[in-house]
Amino acid sequence: MRTTFTYTNKTEVNVLKMNKTASRVMDILSLFATVNEPISVSTVSQELSAPKSSIYEILETMVIKGFLEFDENVKKYKPGIKLFEVGTSYLNNTDLIKDTRPYLEKLVKLTGETSFLAVPSKEEIIYLDKVEGLSSIRTTASLGTRLPMYLTGLGKAILAAYPDEMVTEITRDIKFKPVNDNSINSFNSLMENISQTRKRGYAVDNREREEDVYCIAAPIYDHLNQPIAAISVAGLVTRMQEENAKEYSVHLINAAMELSRRFGYKVHQLY
């Protein structure tokens, strides 16, 4: 037997069976998707026309599971890391690679260097696509490779797009292990690097993981203004001089902005 449920927006739907708590969790997630700021339990209760006590229990459960975080300073809830992970998992199974590929190919034509696409996964990035440049570079970053965010231009481009509190949360358990003298070796040096990235407009990996490779990277955002991926241009440091990198960064930023707009990003700059 089918049952008719009426949502707060007065839309009636027929379903075989609907669990009340599960339905409220979905409504809460939808609410956070439309409000780009922390929300109080009272606001959630009012928006969903649900008892404050039951909403509080659901929100606290979502905090424990990592889908939400509670900001003690303002006594409000905000999206947690697990929510970003779920979004990333979804994107990995959509047309992200197909949509991004023409932009990677265009970057290679404009710069002659190799271009990459990667997505965040906790404190790491996962390489999803790569288009070889005219002069191939020898790198350990093959497709499917996971690398620490702080050791890559792609990762730092994404980290710089996060609020500082989220960067702190993501890197909380990281033991910074420099690969060479150019590597970031502490949380403070990472935050300084992130600050420079935001001012510059793109991230730089200047031989920080591989001593002969120079890389510039920029984030891709979605319709919620959240970073969902990053693209980069990488080449031998002998070719990627500062002057070339600045020229290439214009093409990189344009590509990242165009891709972000495809995914519904409305802001007019990356940082």
Protein backbone atom coordinates (compact mmCIF):
# COMPACT_ATOMS: atom_id res chain seq x y z
CA MET A 1 0.00 0.00 0.00
CA ARG A 2 1.37 3.43 -0.93
CA THR A 3 1.41 6.26 1.56
CA THR A 4 1.28 9.99 0.73
CA PHE A 5 3.65 12.30 2.58
CA THR A 6 3.50 16.09 2.53
CA TYR A 7 6.79 18.03 2.83
CA THR A 8 7.16 21.56 4.16
CA ASN A 9 7.17 22.84 0.59
CA LYS A 10 3.66 21.29 0.16
CA THR A 11 4.87 18.90 -2.52
CA GLU A 12 3.11 15.53 -2.31
CA VAL A 13 4.97 12.38 -3.27
CA ASN A 14 3.99 8.75 -3.30
CA VAL A 15 6.49 6.27 -1.90
CA LEU A 16 6.37 2.65 -0.85
CA LYS A 17 7.83 3.39 2.57
CA MET A 18 9.62 6.30 4.21
CA ASN A 19 11.51 6.31 7.48
CA LYS A 20 10.79 9.53 9.39
CA THR A 21 14.30 9.95 10.83
CA ALA A 22 16.02 9.15 7.53
CA SER A 23 13.74 11.65 5.81
CA ARG A 24 14.71 14.36 8.29
CA VAL A 25 18.40 13.63 7.78
CA MET A 26 17.91 14.16 4.03
CA ASP A 27 15.99 17.39 4.68
CA ILE A 28 18.78 18.61 6.96
CA LEU A 29 21.42 17.88 4.30
CA SER A 30 19.29 19.72 1.72
CA LEU A 31 19.03 22.68 4.07
CA PHE A 32 22.80 22.89 4.49
CA ALA A 33 23.15 22.73 0.70
CA THR A 34 21.11 25.92 0.34
CA VAL A 35 22.44 27.94 3.30
CA ASN A 36 26.10 28.95 3.03
CA GLU A 37 26.62 29.62 6.74
CA PRO A 38 26.46 27.77 10.09
CA ILE A 39 22.92 26.98 11.29
CA SER A 40 21.51 26.71 14.82
CA VAL A 41 19.34 23.85 16.04
CA SER A 42 16.45 26.33 16.41
CA THR A 43 16.73 27.39 12.77
CA VAL A 44 16.79 23.79 11.56
CA SER A 45 13.77 23.01 13.75
CA GLN A 46 11.84 25.99 12.35
CA GLU A 47 12.78 25.33 8.72
CA LEU A 48 11.73 21.69 8.90
CA SER A 49 8.74 22.28 11.20
CA ALA A 50 10.09 19.55 13.49
CA PRO A 51 10.51 19.28 17.29
CA LYS A 52 13.73 20.87 18.50
CA SER A 53 14.53 17.88 20.73
CA SER A 54 14.44 15.34 17.88
CA ILE A 55 16.35 17.66 15.53
CA TYR A 56 19.04 18.11 18.19
CA GLU A 57 19.51 14.34 18.49
CA ILE A 58 19.86 13.97 14.71
CA LEU A 59 22.33 16.86 14.46
CA GLU A 60 24.48 15.47 17.28
CA THR A 61 24.49 12.04 15.62
CA MET A 62 25.62 13.66 12.36
CA VAL A 63 28.41 15.41 14.28
CA ILE A 64 29.57 12.11 15.78
CA LYS A 65 29.56 10.53 12.31
CA GLY A 66 31.52 13.45 10.84
CA PHE A 67 28.84 14.77 8.49
CA LEU A 68 28.47 17.97 10.53
CA GLU A 69 30.65 19.97 12.90
CA PHE A 70 29.54 22.07 15.87
CA ASP A 71 31.09 25.52 16.22
CA GLU A 72 31.36 26.22 19.94
CA ASN A 73 31.99 29.93 19.33
CA VAL A 74 28.65 30.60 17.65
CA LYS A 75 26.77 27.50 18.91
CA LYS A 76 25.85 26.47 15.37
CA TYR A 77 26.35 23.53 13.03
CA LYS A 78 28.24 23.48 9.73
CA PRO A 79 29.17 20.84 7.12
CA GLY A 80 31.80 18.32 8.22
CA ILE A 81 34.62 16.57 6.37
CA LYS A 82 32.52 13.44 5.76
CA LEU A 83 30.10 15.53 3.72
CA PHE A 84 32.94 16.64 1.46
CA GLU A 85 34.08 13.01 1.12
CA VAL A 86 30.63 11.89 0.03
CA GLY A 87 30.49 14.73 -2.50
CA THR A 88 33.91 13.77 -3.83
CA SER A 89 32.85 10.13 -4.12
CA TYR A 90 29.82 11.20 -6.15
CA LEU A 91 31.91 13.36 -8.46
CA ASN A 92 34.30 10.48 -9.08
CA ASN A 93 31.39 8.62 -10.64
CA THR A 94 30.01 11.48 -12.74
CA ASP A 95 31.28 13.37 -15.74
CA LEU A 96 34.00 15.32 -13.93
CA ILE A 97 36.78 13.66 -15.90
CA LYS A 98 34.92 13.96 -19.22
CA ASP A 99 34.08 17.63 -18.60
CA THR A 100 37.60 18.48 -17.47
CA ARG A 101 39.54 16.64 -20.19
CA PRO A 102 39.11 19.31 -22.94
CA TYR A 103 40.46 21.96 -20.55
CA LEU A 104 43.49 19.84 -19.70
CA GLU A 105 44.15 19.33 -23.40
CA LYS A 106 43.81 23.06 -24.05
CA LEU A 107 46.28 23.84 -21.25
CA VAL A 108 48.79 21.47 -22.84
CA LYS A 109 48.36 23.20 -26.22
CA LEU A 110 48.81 26.64 -24.65
CA THR A 111 51.79 25.77 -22.45
CA GLY A 112 53.40 22.67 -23.91
CA GLU A 113 53.53 21.22 -20.39
CA THR A 114 51.70 18.34 -18.69
CA SER A 115 48.32 18.95 -17.05
CA PHE A 116 46.63 17.03 -14.20
CA LEU A 117 43.25 16.65 -12.51
CA ALA A 118 42.91 15.53 -8.87
CA VAL A 119 40.19 15.39 -6.20
CA PRO A 120 40.46 15.64 -2.40
CA SER A 121 40.12 12.61 -0.12
CA LYS A 122 40.60 13.47 3.56
CA GLU A 123 44.17 14.78 3.90
CA GLU A 124 45.18 13.44 0.48
CA ILE A 125 44.49 14.01 -3.19
CA ILE A 126 43.74 11.34 -5.79
CA TYR A 127 45.00 11.83 -9.36
CA LEU A 128 42.11 11.23 -11.79
CA ASP A 129 43.42 12.37 -15.16
CA LYS A 130 46.58 13.48 -16.92
CA VAL A 131 47.39 14.88 -20.36
CA GLU A 132 51.05 14.62 -21.37
CA GLY A 133 52.85 17.71 -22.57
CA LEU A 134 55.10 18.00 -25.61
CA SER A 135 58.04 17.13 -23.40
CA SER A 136 56.94 14.46 -20.93
CA ILE A 137 58.05 14.82 -17.33
CA ARG A 138 59.08 11.90 -15.18
CA THR A 139 56.78 11.89 -12.16
CA THR A 140 55.45 9.38 -9.64
CA ALA A 141 51.95 10.89 -9.95
CA SER A 142 50.22 8.22 -12.03
CA LEU A 143 46.42 7.96 -12.23
CA GLY A 144 44.91 6.68 -9.00
CA THR A 145 47.93 7.75 -6.97
CA ARG A 146 47.22 9.21 -3.52
CA LEU A 147 49.54 11.89 -2.16
CA PRO A 148 49.44 14.18 0.90
CA MET A 149 47.81 17.51 0.11
CA TYR A 150 50.61 19.54 1.66
CA LEU A 151 53.19 17.98 -0.68
CA THR A 152 51.47 18.87 -3.96
CA GLY A 153 50.42 21.99 -5.81
CA LEU A 154 47.01 20.42 -6.48
CA GLY A 155 46.51 19.67 -2.80
CA LYS A 156 47.58 23.12 -1.68
CA ALA A 157 45.24 24.72 -4.24
CA ILE A 158 42.35 22.85 -2.60
CA LEU A 159 43.52 23.52 0.96
CA ALA A 160 43.72 27.24 0.22
CA ALA A 161 40.05 27.12 -0.83
CA TYR A 162 39.01 25.74 2.56
CA PRO A 163 38.41 27.89 5.65
CA ASP A 164 41.40 27.90 8.04
CA GLU A 165 39.43 25.85 10.59
CA MET A 166 38.91 23.09 8.05
CA VAL A 167 42.59 23.10 7.08
CA THR A 168 43.40 22.67 10.77
CA GLU A 169 40.93 19.80 11.06
CA ILE A 170 42.19 18.02 7.95
CA THR A 171 45.86 18.29 8.94
CA ARG A 172 45.35 17.64 12.66
CA ASP A 173 46.84 14.14 12.61
CA ILE A 174 49.41 14.73 9.89
CA LYS A 175 53.08 14.23 10.67
CA PHE A 176 54.84 16.51 8.23
CA LYS A 177 57.59 14.50 6.55
CA PRO A 178 59.68 16.61 4.17
CA VAL A 179 60.78 14.82 1.02
CA ASN A 180 63.58 17.32 0.40
CA ASP A 181 64.78 20.74 1.53
CA ASN A 182 62.01 22.47 -0.44
CA SER A 183 59.15 20.54 1.19
CA ILE A 184 56.72 22.03 3.69
CA ASN A 185 57.80 20.74 7.08
CA SER A 186 55.28 22.15 9.58
CA PHE A 187 51.71 23.34 9.97
CA ASN A 188 52.88 26.96 10.30
CA SER A 189 54.81 26.83 7.03
CA LEU A 190 51.76 25.25 5.37
CA MET A 191 49.50 28.08 6.55
CA GLU A 192 52.02 30.65 5.33
CA ASN A 193 52.09 28.89 1.96
CA ILE A 194 48.28 28.86 1.84
CA SER A 195 48.20 32.58 2.58
CA GLN A 196 50.57 33.21 -0.34
CA THR A 197 48.43 30.99 -2.58
CA ARG A 198 45.29 33.01 -1.81
CA LYS A 199 47.07 36.30 -2.54
CA ARG A 200 48.70 34.97 -5.71
CA GLY A 201 45.52 33.34 -7.02
CA TYR A 202 47.03 29.90 -7.62
CA ALA A 203 49.19 27.35 -5.79
CA VAL A 204 52.85 26.63 -6.50
CA ASP A 205 54.86 23.46 -5.99
CA ASN A 206 58.46 24.52 -6.51
CA ARG A 207 60.37 21.23 -6.39
CA GLU A 208 58.72 20.39 -3.06
CA ARG A 209 58.14 16.71 -3.82
CA GLU A 210 60.16 16.03 -6.95
CA GLU A 211 63.33 18.06 -7.24
CA ASP A 212 63.16 18.70 -10.98
CA VAL A 213 59.42 19.47 -11.26
CA TYR A 214 57.69 22.85 -10.96
CA CYS A 215 53.89 22.94 -10.79
CA ILE A 216 51.12 25.55 -10.62
CA ALA A 217 47.56 24.56 -9.64
CA ALA A 218 44.09 26.03 -9.17
CA PRO A 219 40.86 24.75 -7.56
CA ILE A 220 37.54 23.88 -9.19
CA TYR A 221 34.37 24.80 -7.25
CA ASP A 222 30.78 23.57 -7.37
CA HIS A 223 27.42 25.36 -7.03
CA LEU A 224 27.83 25.41 -3.24
CA ASN A 225 31.12 27.31 -3.63
CA GLN A 226 32.96 24.26 -2.32
CA PRO A 227 36.27 23.05 -3.84
CA ILE A 228 35.66 19.69 -5.49
CA ALA A 229 38.86 19.23 -7.49
CA ALA A 230 41.96 20.98 -8.80
CA ILE A 231 43.84 21.18 -12.08
CA SER A 232 47.51 21.88 -12.65
CA VAL A 233 50.25 22.54 -15.16
CA ALA A 234 53.59 20.88 -14.40
CA GLY A 235 56.96 20.81 -16.13
CA LEU A 236 60.67 20.62 -15.57
CA VAL A 237 61.90 23.48 -13.42
CA THR A 238 64.37 24.41 -16.17
CA ARG A 239 61.41 25.20 -18.45
CA MET A 240 58.93 26.48 -15.88
CA GLN A 241 60.80 29.65 -14.96
CA GLU A 242 58.94 32.28 -12.90
CA GLU A 243 58.17 34.31 -16.01
CA ASN A 244 56.67 31.30 -17.80
CA ALA A 245 54.74 30.25 -14.69
CA LYS A 246 53.08 33.67 -14.47
CA GLU A 247 52.10 33.51 -18.13
CA TYR A 248 50.78 29.96 -17.76
CA SER A 249 48.88 30.88 -14.59
CA VAL A 250 46.56 33.12 -16.65
CA HIS A 251 45.52 30.13 -18.77
CA LEU A 252 45.25 27.93 -15.67
CA ILE A 253 43.03 30.36 -13.76
CA ASN A 254 40.81 30.90 -16.81
CA ALA A 255 40.37 27.13 -17.19
CA ALA A 256 39.60 26.68 -13.47
CA MET A 257 37.06 29.51 -13.55
CA GLU A 258 35.33 28.18 -16.68
CA LEU A 259 35.11 24.68 -15.19
CA SER A 260 33.81 26.04 -11.90
CA ARG A 261 31.08 27.96 -13.72
CA ARG A 262 30.08 24.73 -15.47
CA PHE A 263 29.48 23.26 -12.02
CA GLY A 264 27.44 26.28 -10.89
CA TYR A 265 30.08 28.45 -9.20
CA LYS A 266 28.90 32.10 -9.07
CA VAL A 267 31.85 33.91 -7.48
CA HIS A 268 34.12 35.91 -9.79
CA GLN A 269 37.48 34.79 -8.43
CA LEU A 270 39.06 31.59 -7.12
CA TYR A 271 40.21 32.97 -3.74
